[in-house]
Each structure stands twice: as C-alpha cells, then as structure tokens.
Amino acid sequence: MFLIDGKALAERIRAQVAQEIKEKHLSPHLAILLVGDDPASHLYVGLKQKYAAEVGVRVTYEQRSADVSDDELVDLIQRWNQDPSVHAILVQIPLPPGHDEQRIIEAIDPKKDVDGFRPASTSVPPVHEGILRLINETPLKLSGASAAIIVNSDLFAAPLKRLLSTGGMFVNVMHPDDLDQEKLASADVVVIAVGRTNFLHASMTKPDAVIIDVGTNKTDEGKTCGDVDRSSFEKTYVWLTPVPGGVGPMTIAQLLKNVAGLAQQDSSPSGSFALT
C-alpha cells in the first residue's frame, strides 16, 4: 500500500498561493458564513481561517444561530455580493435542518462563489479539484482509465464525474446500497464518500487501484477515520489517501487557491491565476 500525502501536497499549494499573492500584490478577501453549532463545521471553518491568514487572505467571518431566518442569511450574502472588497463568499455546508440550502447557495454571486456550487461559477469545487490533484500524485494516467464513484449524493458526484471524464476517464457512479460489484472490482480509481466506517474492503477493488477516501467518521474511541478499511489494504499495491491527512487538507488548499484566483480576476479581468 502506498499512501498519497495530501498534507504535504496541500502545504506546497498553499506556499505557491502565498507567493502568487505576494508577487502580484493581491489583497484577497474571503467572507465566511457559519450557521449553527455543529462541532465539525466549527473545526473546518477554524482551519480555513488559520490557513487563510498564513497565505495572506483576509477573512470576514459571520456566525448566526441555527434558528436564524433564511431571509436574514440571504440579506447578509447580498451585502457581500455588493461589497467590492469581498472577492469570495463561502457558506459552510451543511446548514442546520429547516433551512433552504439551495436558496442560500443560489443567493451567492457566481463571480464570488468560491466553492463552485453555482452552475455559472468560475471556480472548480475545491474538493473535486483536490481529488484530481491527489490522483495526479500517483503513476496512473487518466486517459482511458476507469473510475467508480461511490456516493450518497448525486450533487457531489455530478461535477466530479464531469471533471474526471474531461480527463479522459470512463466514470461510473454508484450508491453504497446498490453497488455494481463488477465495475467496482475493475475500476482503476475509486472515490468513496458515504460516511460509513470501514465500508470499502480490499476484496472489493483491484489490488493496484487508486483509492480516494473522502469519508470523515468517528470511531467509538473518538478517532477520525474514513470510509476505507485501511488495514485490509496493507498487503496490496493500492494508492490510498489517509484520513486524516488526505482530501481534507487538499480541499482547504484548493479553496485558498480559488480565493486568490477570484481576487486576480477582479484586479485584472483578462488575467489568470493558475498553479501547476
């Protein structure tokens, strides 16, 4: 088993973002909205604030209680839309029960949609871009390869399928309770995001597959783990992202890259911001 070090790759990307911000004299400004008291959401937002400060991204942070009205949330987002100093807007998902998540997301100006949720957004979703970058850390060539995406949410799967298909891959999307065992067993790449501890076992995949574990779960002992039964892959030749230390750090790094890119677009409409 070979581990794909998302933490180290994320550090390199953040360093590149910081350098670009400094060299191009950018002043990126990210507005973050957090609703409710979910501990995981607070942790993720805290990490985003920490790394944003390290690379030179200014953050405006607003928190609202879980019982806040959707009208108030939309009003706040509209103020950020109209503020020329704000380049990027992030609403921490999921929202607490009772909120119209789609309405809140659609209130974001596509030009400031740093998470790439809006169809007209100029940003690629950070988690999906991060997955692609992690796959590219392995010897696998995308063109002509096959991928299996195991998800609960088609909303998550659709943009990832488009991204991988653009790279020349043949992609199958399947749900955890309705697996196509044959296609899964032959897939060169497996991306799993189902929120089930130890769901994916070595007997289900090729012995040399690339496996991207997007799952985040807690064991009975309180430890963070993914959806992959990592111990079952120890004697295989798979490439695997660890949890923690895989997709999570990469998602934040790609988010900051998007923020800087939106700031660059704002300062120079004909310019571009690309990291290789």
C-alpha atoms as a PDB file:
ATOM      1  CA  MET A   1       0.000   0.000   0.000  1.00  0.00           C
ATOM      2  CA  PHE A   2       1.217   3.468  -0.913  1.00  0.00           C
ATOM      3  CA  LEU A   3      -0.183   6.491   0.938  1.00  0.00           C
ATOM      4  CA  ILE A   4      -0.901   9.690  -1.005  1.00  0.00           C
ATOM      5  CA  ASP A   5       0.289  12.505   1.248  1.00  0.00           C
ATOM      6  CA  GLY A   6      -2.415  15.149   0.893  1.00  0.00           C
ATOM      7  CA  LYS A   7      -0.973  17.136   3.774  1.00  0.00           C
ATOM      8  CA  ALA A   8       2.399  17.605   2.066  1.00  0.00           C
ATOM      9  CA  LEU A   9       0.814  18.441  -1.293  1.00  0.00           C
ATOM     10  CA  ALA A  10      -1.512  20.945   0.389  1.00  0.00           C
ATOM     11  CA  GLU A  11       1.484  22.637   2.021  1.00  0.00           C
ATOM     12  CA  ARG A  12       3.115  23.053  -1.387  1.00  0.00           C
ATOM     13  CA  ILE A  13      -0.051  24.518  -2.884  1.00  0.00           C
ATOM     14  CA  ARG A  14      -0.504  26.957  -0.001  1.00  0.00           C
ATOM     15  CA  ALA A  15       3.106  28.074  -0.389  1.00  0.00           C
ATOM     16  CA  GLN A  16       2.512  28.711  -4.100  1.00  0.00           C
ATOM     17  CA  VAL A  17      -0.685  30.648  -3.342  1.00  0.00           C
ATOM     18  CA  ALA A  18       1.133  32.785  -0.783  1.00  0.00           C
ATOM     19  CA  GLN A  19       3.889  33.510  -3.289  1.00  0.00           C
ATOM     20  CA  GLU A  20       1.416  34.468  -6.025  1.00  0.00           C
ATOM     21  CA  ILE A  21      -0.475  36.768  -3.654  1.00  0.00           C
ATOM     22  CA  LYS A  22       2.744  38.495  -2.659  1.00  0.00           C
ATOM     23  CA  GLU A  23       4.229  38.792  -6.146  1.00  0.00           C
ATOM     24  CA  LYS A  24       1.004  40.053  -7.734  1.00  0.00           C
ATOM     25  CA  HIS A  25       0.231  42.406  -4.835  1.00  0.00           C
ATOM     26  CA  LEU A  26      -3.224  40.909  -4.359  1.00  0.00           C
ATOM     27  CA  SER A  27      -5.467  41.558  -1.374  1.00  0.00           C
ATOM     28  CA  PRO A  28      -7.832  38.563  -1.432  1.00  0.00           C
ATOM     29  CA  HIS A  29     -10.872  38.859   0.820  1.00  0.00           C
ATOM     30  CA  LEU A  30     -12.943  35.807   1.787  1.00  0.00           C
ATOM     31  CA  ALA A  31     -16.313  36.121   3.557  1.00  0.00           C
ATOM     32  CA  ILE A  32     -17.393  33.048   5.550  1.00  0.00           C
ATOM     33  CA  LEU A  33     -20.878  32.378   6.907  1.00  0.00           C
ATOM     34  CA  LEU A  34     -21.397  29.684   9.553  1.00  0.00           C
ATOM     35  CA  VAL A  35     -24.873  28.809  10.809  1.00  0.00           C
ATOM     36  CA  GLY A  36     -25.457  26.773  13.951  1.00  0.00           C
ATOM     37  CA  ASP A  37     -23.180  24.971  16.398  1.00  0.00           C
ATOM     38  CA  ASP A  38     -22.061  21.820  14.574  1.00  0.00           C
ATOM     39  CA  PRO A  39     -18.602  20.963  16.011  1.00  0.00           C
ATOM     40  CA  ALA A  40     -17.244  19.644  12.692  1.00  0.00           C
ATOM     41  CA  SER A  41     -18.303  22.803  10.860  1.00  0.00           C
ATOM     42  CA  HIS A  42     -16.640  24.957  13.503  1.00  0.00           C
ATOM     43  CA  LEU A  43     -13.451  22.900  13.164  1.00  0.00           C
ATOM     44  CA  TYR A  44     -13.407  23.228   9.364  1.00  0.00           C
ATOM     45  CA  VAL A  45     -14.045  26.970   9.472  1.00  0.00           C
ATOM     46  CA  GLY A  46     -11.312  27.405  12.074  1.00  0.00           C
ATOM     47  CA  LEU A  47      -8.815  25.611   9.828  1.00  0.00           C
ATOM     48  CA  LYS A  48      -9.858  27.712   6.831  1.00  0.00           C
ATOM     49  CA  GLN A  49      -9.304  30.891   8.852  1.00  0.00           C
ATOM     50  CA  LYS A  50      -5.920  29.675  10.096  1.00  0.00           C
ATOM     51  CA  TYR A  51      -4.517  28.798   6.682  1.00  0.00           C
ATOM     52  CA  ALA A  52      -6.083  31.846   5.044  1.00  0.00           C
ATOM     53  CA  ALA A  53      -4.129  34.063   7.438  1.00  0.00           C
ATOM     54  CA  GLU A  54      -0.928  32.151   6.651  1.00  0.00           C
ATOM     55  CA  VAL A  55      -1.153  32.728   2.880  1.00  0.00           C
ATOM     56  CA  GLY A  56      -2.333  36.327   3.062  1.00  0.00           C
ATOM     57  CA  VAL A  57      -6.095  36.009   2.592  1.00  0.00           C
ATOM     58  CA  ARG A  58      -8.229  38.393   4.651  1.00  0.00           C
ATOM     59  CA  VAL A  59     -11.270  36.729   6.223  1.00  0.00           C
ATOM     60  CA  THR A  60     -14.572  38.240   7.306  1.00  0.00           C
ATOM     61  CA  TYR A  61     -16.377  35.732   9.500  1.00  0.00           C
ATOM     62  CA  GLU A  62     -20.045  35.848  10.446  1.00  0.00           C
ATOM     63  CA  GLN A  63     -21.828  33.282  12.618  1.00  0.00           C
ATOM     64  CA  ARG A  64     -25.568  33.002  13.074  1.00  0.00           C
ATOM     65  CA  SER A  65     -27.681  30.789  15.341  1.00  0.00           C
ATOM     66  CA  ALA A  66     -29.418  27.749  13.904  1.00  0.00           C
ATOM     67  CA  ASP A  67     -32.834  29.437  14.166  1.00  0.00           C
ATOM     68  CA  VAL A  68     -31.868  32.440  12.031  1.00  0.00           C
ATOM     69  CA  SER A  69     -34.263  33.108   9.158  1.00  0.00           C
ATOM     70  CA  ASP A  70     -33.274  32.376   5.585  1.00  0.00           C
ATOM     71  CA  ASP A  71     -34.220  35.953   4.715  1.00  0.00           C
ATOM     72  CA  GLU A  72     -31.557  37.254   7.093  1.00  0.00           C
ATOM     73  CA  LEU A  73     -28.939  34.917   5.629  1.00  0.00           C
ATOM     74  CA  VAL A  74     -29.807  35.985   2.081  1.00  0.00           C
ATOM     75  CA  ASP A  75     -29.610  39.661   3.105  1.00  0.00           C
ATOM     76  CA  LEU A  76     -26.110  39.114   4.522  1.00  0.00           C
ATOM     77  CA  ILE A  77     -24.959  37.345   1.367  1.00  0.00           C
ATOM     78  CA  GLN A  78     -26.406  40.121  -0.786  1.00  0.00           C
ATOM     79  CA  ARG A  79     -24.406  42.694   1.196  1.00  0.00           C
ATOM     80  CA  TRP A  80     -21.262  40.704   0.491  1.00  0.00           C
ATOM     81  CA  ASN A  81     -22.236  40.407  -3.176  1.00  0.00           C
ATOM     82  CA  GLN A  82     -22.420  44.189  -3.375  1.00  0.00           C
ATOM     83  CA  ASP A  83     -19.205  44.816  -1.427  1.00  0.00           C
ATOM     84  CA  PRO A  84     -16.396  45.322  -3.988  1.00  0.00           C
ATOM     85  CA  SER A  85     -13.765  44.459  -1.379  1.00  0.00           C
ATOM     86  CA  VAL A  86     -15.160  40.897  -0.995  1.00  0.00           C
ATOM     87  CA  HIS A  87     -13.798  38.600  -3.695  1.00  0.00           C
ATOM     88  CA  ALA A  88     -15.118  35.248  -2.450  1.00  0.00           C
ATOM     89  CA  ILE A  89     -18.087  34.025  -0.409  1.00  0.00           C
ATOM     90  CA  LEU A  90     -18.297  30.700   1.429  1.00  0.00           C
ATOM     91  CA  VAL A  91     -21.339  29.293   3.204  1.00  0.00           C
ATOM     92  CA  GLN A  92     -20.316  26.387   5.417  1.00  0.00           C
ATOM     93  CA  ILE A  93     -22.348  23.333   4.427  1.00  0.00           C
ATOM     94  CA  PRO A  94     -24.407  21.527   5.648  1.00  0.00           C
ATOM     95  CA  LEU A  95     -26.796  24.080   7.083  1.00  0.00           C
ATOM     96  CA  PRO A  96     -28.879  23.092  10.132  1.00  0.00           C
ATOM     97  CA  PRO A  97     -32.237  21.384   9.449  1.00  0.00           C
ATOM     98  CA  GLY A  98     -35.044  23.703   8.447  1.00  0.00           C
ATOM     99  CA  HIS A  99     -33.023  25.915   6.111  1.00  0.00           C
ATOM    100  CA  ASP A 100     -33.432  26.081   2.338  1.00  0.00           C
ATOM    101  CA  GLU A 101     -29.842  25.247   1.436  1.00  0.00           C
ATOM    102  CA  GLN A 102     -30.393  25.675  -2.288  1.00  0.00           C
ATOM    103  CA  ARG A 103     -31.873  29.144  -1.830  1.00  0.00           C
ATOM    104  CA  ILE A 104     -28.940  30.246   0.324  1.00  0.00           C
ATOM    105  CA  ILE A 105     -26.348  28.942  -2.137  1.00  0.00           C
ATOM    106  CA  GLU A 106     -28.147  30.485  -5.106  1.00  0.00           C
ATOM    107  CA  ALA A 107     -28.007  33.876  -3.382  1.00  0.00           C
ATOM    108  CA  ILE A 108     -24.221  33.921  -3.883  1.00  0.00           C
ATOM    109  CA  ASP A 109     -22.997  35.891  -6.896  1.00  0.00           C
ATOM    110  CA  PRO A 110     -21.481  33.256  -9.256  1.00  0.00           C
ATOM    111  CA  LYS A 111     -18.446  35.531  -9.632  1.00  0.00           C
ATOM    112  CA  LYS A 112     -17.831  35.178  -5.877  1.00  0.00           C
ATOM    113  CA  ASP A 113     -18.825  31.526  -5.489  1.00  0.00           C
ATOM    114  CA  VAL A 114     -15.531  30.141  -4.195  1.00  0.00           C
ATOM    115  CA  ASP A 115     -16.957  26.635  -3.633  1.00  0.00           C
ATOM    116  CA  GLY A 116     -18.103  26.348  -7.240  1.00  0.00           C
ATOM    117  CA  PHE A 117     -21.668  25.426  -6.272  1.00  0.00           C
ATOM    118  CA  ARG A 118     -23.351  27.697  -8.845  1.00  0.00           C
ATOM    119  CA  PRO A 119     -23.505  26.405 -12.450  1.00  0.00           C
ATOM    120  CA  ALA A 120     -22.179  29.774 -13.684  1.00  0.00           C
ATOM    121  CA  SER A 121     -19.354  29.824 -11.141  1.00  0.00           C
ATOM    122  CA  THR A 122     -15.838  30.386 -12.442  1.00  0.00           C
ATOM    123  CA  SER A 123     -14.406  28.235  -9.630  1.00  0.00           C
ATOM    124  CA  VAL A 124     -13.951  24.465  -9.696  1.00  0.00           C
ATOM    125  CA  PRO A 125     -15.241  22.934  -6.414  1.00  0.00           C
ATOM    126  CA  PRO A 126     -12.170  22.686  -4.148  1.00  0.00           C
ATOM    127  CA  VAL A 127     -12.876  19.120  -3.023  1.00  0.00           C
ATOM    128  CA  HIS A 128     -13.179  17.913  -6.619  1.00  0.00           C
ATOM    129  CA  GLU A 129     -10.081  19.754  -7.792  1.00  0.00           C
ATOM    130  CA  GLY A 130      -8.281  18.359  -4.742  1.00  0.00           C
ATOM    131  CA  ILE A 131      -9.310  14.819  -5.665  1.00  0.00           C
ATOM    132  CA  LEU A 132      -7.945  15.291  -9.177  1.00  0.00           C
ATOM    133  CA  ARG A 133      -4.645  16.652  -7.845  1.00  0.00           C
ATOM    134  CA  LEU A 134      -4.326  13.687  -5.475  1.00  0.00           C
ATOM    135  CA  ILE A 135      -4.908  11.197  -8.305  1.00  0.00           C
ATOM    136  CA  ASN A 136      -2.222  13.002 -10.303  1.00  0.00           C
ATOM    137  CA  GLU A 137       0.251  12.291  -7.484  1.00  0.00           C
ATOM    138  CA  THR A 138       0.141   8.614  -8.470  1.00  0.00           C
ATOM    139  CA  PRO A 139       1.585   6.880 -11.567  1.00  0.00           C
ATOM    140  CA  LEU A 140      -1.915   6.425 -13.035  1.00  0.00           C
ATOM    141  CA  LYS A 141      -2.632   8.055 -16.388  1.00  0.00           C
ATOM    142  CA  LEU A 142      -6.202   9.353 -16.531  1.00  0.00           C
ATOM    143  CA  SER A 143      -6.837   8.935 -20.243  1.00  0.00           C
ATOM    144  CA  GLY A 144      -8.513   5.601 -20.905  1.00  0.00           C
ATOM    145  CA  ALA A 145      -8.699   4.619 -17.228  1.00  0.00           C
ATOM    146  CA  SER A 146     -11.929   3.784 -15.414  1.00  0.00           C
ATOM    147  CA  ALA A 147     -13.316   5.242 -12.206  1.00  0.00           C
ATOM    148  CA  ALA A 148     -16.018   4.263  -9.715  1.00  0.00           C
ATOM    149  CA  ILE A 149     -17.560   6.995  -7.571  1.00  0.00           C
ATOM    150  CA  ILE A 150     -19.407   5.628  -4.534  1.00  0.00           C
ATOM    151  CA  VAL A 151     -21.605   8.318  -3.011  1.00  0.00           C
ATOM    152  CA  ASN A 152     -24.835   9.073  -1.210  1.00  0.00           C
ATOM    153  CA  SER A 153     -25.221  12.397  -3.028  1.00  0.00           C
ATOM    154  CA  ASP A 154     -25.590  12.797  -6.778  1.00  0.00           C
ATOM    155  CA  LEU A 155     -24.966  16.527  -6.265  1.00  0.00           C
ATOM    156  CA  PHE A 156     -21.445  15.646  -5.125  1.00  0.00           C
ATOM    157  CA  ALA A 157     -20.925  13.058  -7.840  1.00  0.00           C
ATOM    158  CA  ALA A 158     -22.065  15.041 -10.893  1.00  0.00           C
ATOM    159  CA  PRO A 159     -19.288  17.677 -11.035  1.00  0.00           C
ATOM    160  CA  LEU A 160     -16.652  15.088 -10.130  1.00  0.00           C
ATOM    161  CA  LYS A 161     -17.842  12.824 -12.930  1.00  0.00           C
ATOM    162  CA  ARG A 162     -17.591  15.744 -15.376  1.00  0.00           C
ATOM    163  CA  LEU A 163     -14.093  16.610 -14.167  1.00  0.00           C
ATOM    164  CA  LEU A 164     -12.756  13.053 -14.440  1.00  0.00           C
ATOM    165  CA  SER A 165     -14.494  12.493 -17.777  1.00  0.00           C
ATOM    166  CA  THR A 166     -12.796  15.627 -19.114  1.00  0.00           C
ATOM    167  CA  GLY A 167      -9.502  13.944 -18.244  1.00  0.00           C
ATOM    168  CA  GLY A 168     -10.432  11.006 -20.485  1.00  0.00           C
ATOM    169  CA  MET A 169     -11.739   8.607 -17.845  1.00  0.00           C
ATOM    170  CA  PHE A 170     -14.724   6.265 -18.066  1.00  0.00           C
ATOM    171  CA  VAL A 171     -16.744   7.016 -14.927  1.00  0.00           C
ATOM    172  CA  ASN A 172     -19.456   5.014 -13.146  1.00  0.00           C
ATOM    173  CA  VAL A 173     -21.441   6.469 -10.243  1.00  0.00           C
ATOM    174  CA  MET A 174     -22.959   4.065  -7.728  1.00  0.00           C
ATOM    175  CA  HIS A 175     -24.642   4.236  -4.351  1.00  0.00           C
ATOM    176  CA  PRO A 176     -23.372   2.197  -1.371  1.00  0.00           C
ATOM    177  CA  ASP A 177     -26.538   0.090  -1.154  1.00  0.00           C
ATOM    178  CA  ASP A 178     -26.608  -0.601  -4.882  1.00  0.00           C
ATOM    179  CA  LEU A 179     -23.031  -1.354  -5.879  1.00  0.00           C
ATOM    180  CA  ASP A 180     -22.078  -2.651  -9.290  1.00  0.00           C
ATOM    181  CA  GLN A 181     -19.573  -5.158  -7.951  1.00  0.00           C
ATOM    182  CA  GLU A 182     -18.126  -5.973 -11.362  1.00  0.00           C
ATOM    183  CA  LYS A 183     -17.445  -2.361 -12.354  1.00  0.00           C
ATOM    184  CA  LEU A 184     -16.104  -1.565  -8.891  1.00  0.00           C
ATOM    185  CA  ALA A 185     -13.711  -4.535  -8.987  1.00  0.00           C
ATOM    186  CA  SER A 186     -12.292  -3.394 -12.334  1.00  0.00           C
ATOM    187  CA  ALA A 187     -12.054   0.346 -11.589  1.00  0.00           C
ATOM    188  CA  ASP A 188      -8.606   1.946 -11.770  1.00  0.00           C
ATOM    189  CA  VAL A 189      -9.778   4.743  -9.472  1.00  0.00           C
ATOM    190  CA  VAL A 190     -12.289   4.517  -6.631  1.00  0.00           C
ATOM    191  CA  VAL A 191     -13.597   7.670  -4.967  1.00  0.00           C
ATOM    192  CA  ILE A 192     -15.746   7.000  -1.909  1.00  0.00           C
ATOM    193  CA  ALA A 193     -17.779   9.471   0.143  1.00  0.00           C
ATOM    194  CA  VAL A 194     -20.543   7.668   2.025  1.00  0.00           C
ATOM    195  CA  GLY A 195     -19.900   8.337   5.718  1.00  0.00           C
ATOM    196  CA  ARG A 196     -19.595   4.660   6.694  1.00  0.00           C
ATOM    197  CA  THR A 197     -16.593   3.491   8.671  1.00  0.00           C
ATOM    198  CA  ASN A 198     -14.590   0.668   7.022  1.00  0.00           C
ATOM    199  CA  PHE A 199     -17.142   0.322   4.209  1.00  0.00           C
ATOM    200  CA  LEU A 200     -14.651  -0.314   1.394  1.00  0.00           C
ATOM    201  CA  HIS A 201     -12.624  -3.519   1.769  1.00  0.00           C
ATOM    202  CA  ALA A 202      -9.648  -4.755  -0.265  1.00  0.00           C
ATOM    203  CA  SER A 203     -11.701  -7.671  -1.589  1.00  0.00           C
ATOM    204  CA  MET A 204     -13.939  -5.178  -3.438  1.00  0.00           C
ATOM    205  CA  THR A 205     -11.272  -3.463  -5.583  1.00  0.00           C
ATOM    206  CA  LYS A 206      -8.306  -4.075  -7.859  1.00  0.00           C
ATOM    207  CA  PRO A 207      -5.096  -4.747  -5.892  1.00  0.00           C
ATOM    208  CA  ASP A 208      -3.409  -1.775  -7.599  1.00  0.00           C
ATOM    209  CA  ALA A 209      -6.278   0.736  -7.671  1.00  0.00           C
ATOM    210  CA  VAL A 210      -6.037   4.418  -6.689  1.00  0.00           C
ATOM    211  CA  ILE A 211      -8.462   4.979  -3.817  1.00  0.00           C
ATOM    212  CA  ILE A 212      -9.540   8.456  -2.732  1.00  0.00           C
ATOM    213  CA  ASP A 213     -11.256   8.361   0.667  1.00  0.00           C
ATOM    214  CA  VAL A 214     -13.471  11.425   1.150  1.00  0.00           C
ATOM    215  CA  GLY A 215     -15.287   9.985   4.165  1.00  0.00           C
ATOM    216  CA  THR A 216     -14.986  11.514   7.626  1.00  0.00           C
ATOM    217  CA  ASN A 217     -16.240   9.384  10.506  1.00  0.00           C
ATOM    218  CA  LYS A 218     -15.611   8.929  14.222  1.00  0.00           C
ATOM    219  CA  THR A 219     -14.757   5.594  15.809  1.00  0.00           C
ATOM    220  CA  ASP A 220     -16.135   4.541  19.190  1.00  0.00           C
ATOM    221  CA  GLU A 221     -12.829   5.750  20.631  1.00  0.00           C
ATOM    222  CA  GLY A 222     -13.336   9.191  19.118  1.00  0.00           C
ATOM    223  CA  LYS A 223     -10.697   8.857  16.412  1.00  0.00           C
ATOM    224  CA  THR A 224     -11.254  10.264  12.928  1.00  0.00           C
ATOM    225  CA  CYS A 225     -11.334   7.716  10.120  1.00  0.00           C
ATOM    226  CA  GLY A 226     -12.587   7.434   6.558  1.00  0.00           C
ATOM    227  CA  ASP A 227     -14.832   5.058   4.632  1.00  0.00           C
ATOM    228  CA  VAL A 228     -11.984   2.684   3.734  1.00  0.00           C
ATOM    229  CA  ASP A 229     -10.943  -0.353   5.774  1.00  0.00           C
ATOM    230  CA  ARG A 230      -7.297   0.673   5.587  1.00  0.00           C
ATOM    231  CA  SER A 231      -5.932  -2.403   7.355  1.00  0.00           C
ATOM    232  CA  SER A 232      -7.342  -4.691   4.651  1.00  0.00           C
ATOM    233  CA  PHE A 233      -5.220  -2.928   2.020  1.00  0.00           C
ATOM    234  CA  GLU A 234      -1.895  -3.196   3.862  1.00  0.00           C
ATOM    235  CA  LYS A 235      -0.543  -6.016   1.660  1.00  0.00           C
ATOM    236  CA  THR A 236      -1.887  -4.667  -1.634  1.00  0.00           C
ATOM    237  CA  TYR A 237      -0.379  -2.241  -4.156  1.00  0.00           C
ATOM    238  CA  VAL A 238      -3.143   0.361  -3.944  1.00  0.00           C
ATOM    239  CA  TRP A 239      -2.516   4.091  -3.697  1.00  0.00           C
ATOM    240  CA  LEU A 240      -4.668   5.398  -0.849  1.00  0.00           C
ATOM    241  CA  THR A 241      -5.406   8.786   0.716  1.00  0.00           C
ATOM    242  CA  PRO A 242      -5.240   8.630   4.525  1.00  0.00           C
ATOM    243  CA  VAL A 243      -7.909  10.070   6.811  1.00  0.00           C
ATOM    244  CA  PRO A 244      -6.968  12.472   8.252  1.00  0.00           C
ATOM    245  CA  GLY A 245      -4.223  13.891   6.037  1.00  0.00           C
ATOM    246  CA  GLY A 246      -5.639  13.296   2.568  1.00  0.00           C
ATOM    247  CA  VAL A 247      -8.618  15.036   0.977  1.00  0.00           C
ATOM    248  CA  GLY A 248      -9.248  17.423   3.899  1.00  0.00           C
ATOM    249  CA  PRO A 249      -6.020  19.489   3.693  1.00  0.00           C
ATOM    250  CA  MET A 250      -6.232  19.493  -0.095  1.00  0.00           C
ATOM    251  CA  THR A 251      -9.761  20.893  -0.056  1.00  0.00           C
ATOM    252  CA  ILE A 252      -8.686  23.857   2.056  1.00  0.00           C
ATOM    253  CA  ALA A 253      -5.593  24.469  -0.084  1.00  0.00           C
ATOM    254  CA  GLN A 254      -7.664  24.456  -3.276  1.00  0.00           C
ATOM    255  CA  LEU A 255     -10.210  26.753  -1.629  1.00  0.00           C
ATOM    256  CA  LEU A 256      -7.481  29.312  -0.924  1.00  0.00           C
ATOM    257  CA  LYS A 257      -6.222  28.942  -4.487  1.00  0.00           C
ATOM    258  CA  ASN A 258      -9.759  29.758  -5.674  1.00  0.00           C
ATOM    259  CA  VAL A 259      -9.947  32.829  -3.423  1.00  0.00           C
ATOM    260  CA  ALA A 260      -6.687  34.148  -4.831  1.00  0.00           C
ATOM    261  CA  GLY A 261      -7.895  33.375  -8.354  1.00  0.00           C
ATOM    262  CA  LEU A 262     -11.084  35.364  -7.838  1.00  0.00           C
ATOM    263  CA  ALA A 263      -9.066  38.283  -6.478  1.00  0.00           C
ATOM    264  CA  GLN A 264      -6.817  38.099  -9.539  1.00  0.00           C
ATOM    265  CA  GLN A 265      -9.826  38.098 -11.881  1.00  0.00           C
ATOM    266  CA  ASP A 266     -11.215  41.123 -10.093  1.00  0.00           C
ATOM    267  CA  SER A 267      -7.969  43.099 -10.353  1.00  0.00           C
ATOM    268  CA  SER A 268      -7.313  42.076 -13.970  1.00  0.00           C
ATOM    269  CA  PRO A 269     -10.337  40.766 -15.903  1.00  0.00           C
ATOM    270  CA  SER A 270      -8.114  39.422 -18.662  1.00  0.00           C
ATOM    271  CA  GLY A 271      -5.631  37.857 -16.262  1.00  0.00           C
ATOM    272  CA  SER A 272      -5.413  34.311 -14.986  1.00  0.00           C
ATOM    273  CA  PHE A 273      -4.347  32.529 -11.837  1.00  0.00           C
ATOM    274  CA  ALA A 274      -3.027  29.026 -12.281  1.00  0.00           C
ATOM    275  CA  LEU A 275      -0.837  26.756 -10.218  1.00  0.00           C
ATOM    276  CA  THR A 276       0.874  23.731 -11.676  1.00  0.00           C
END
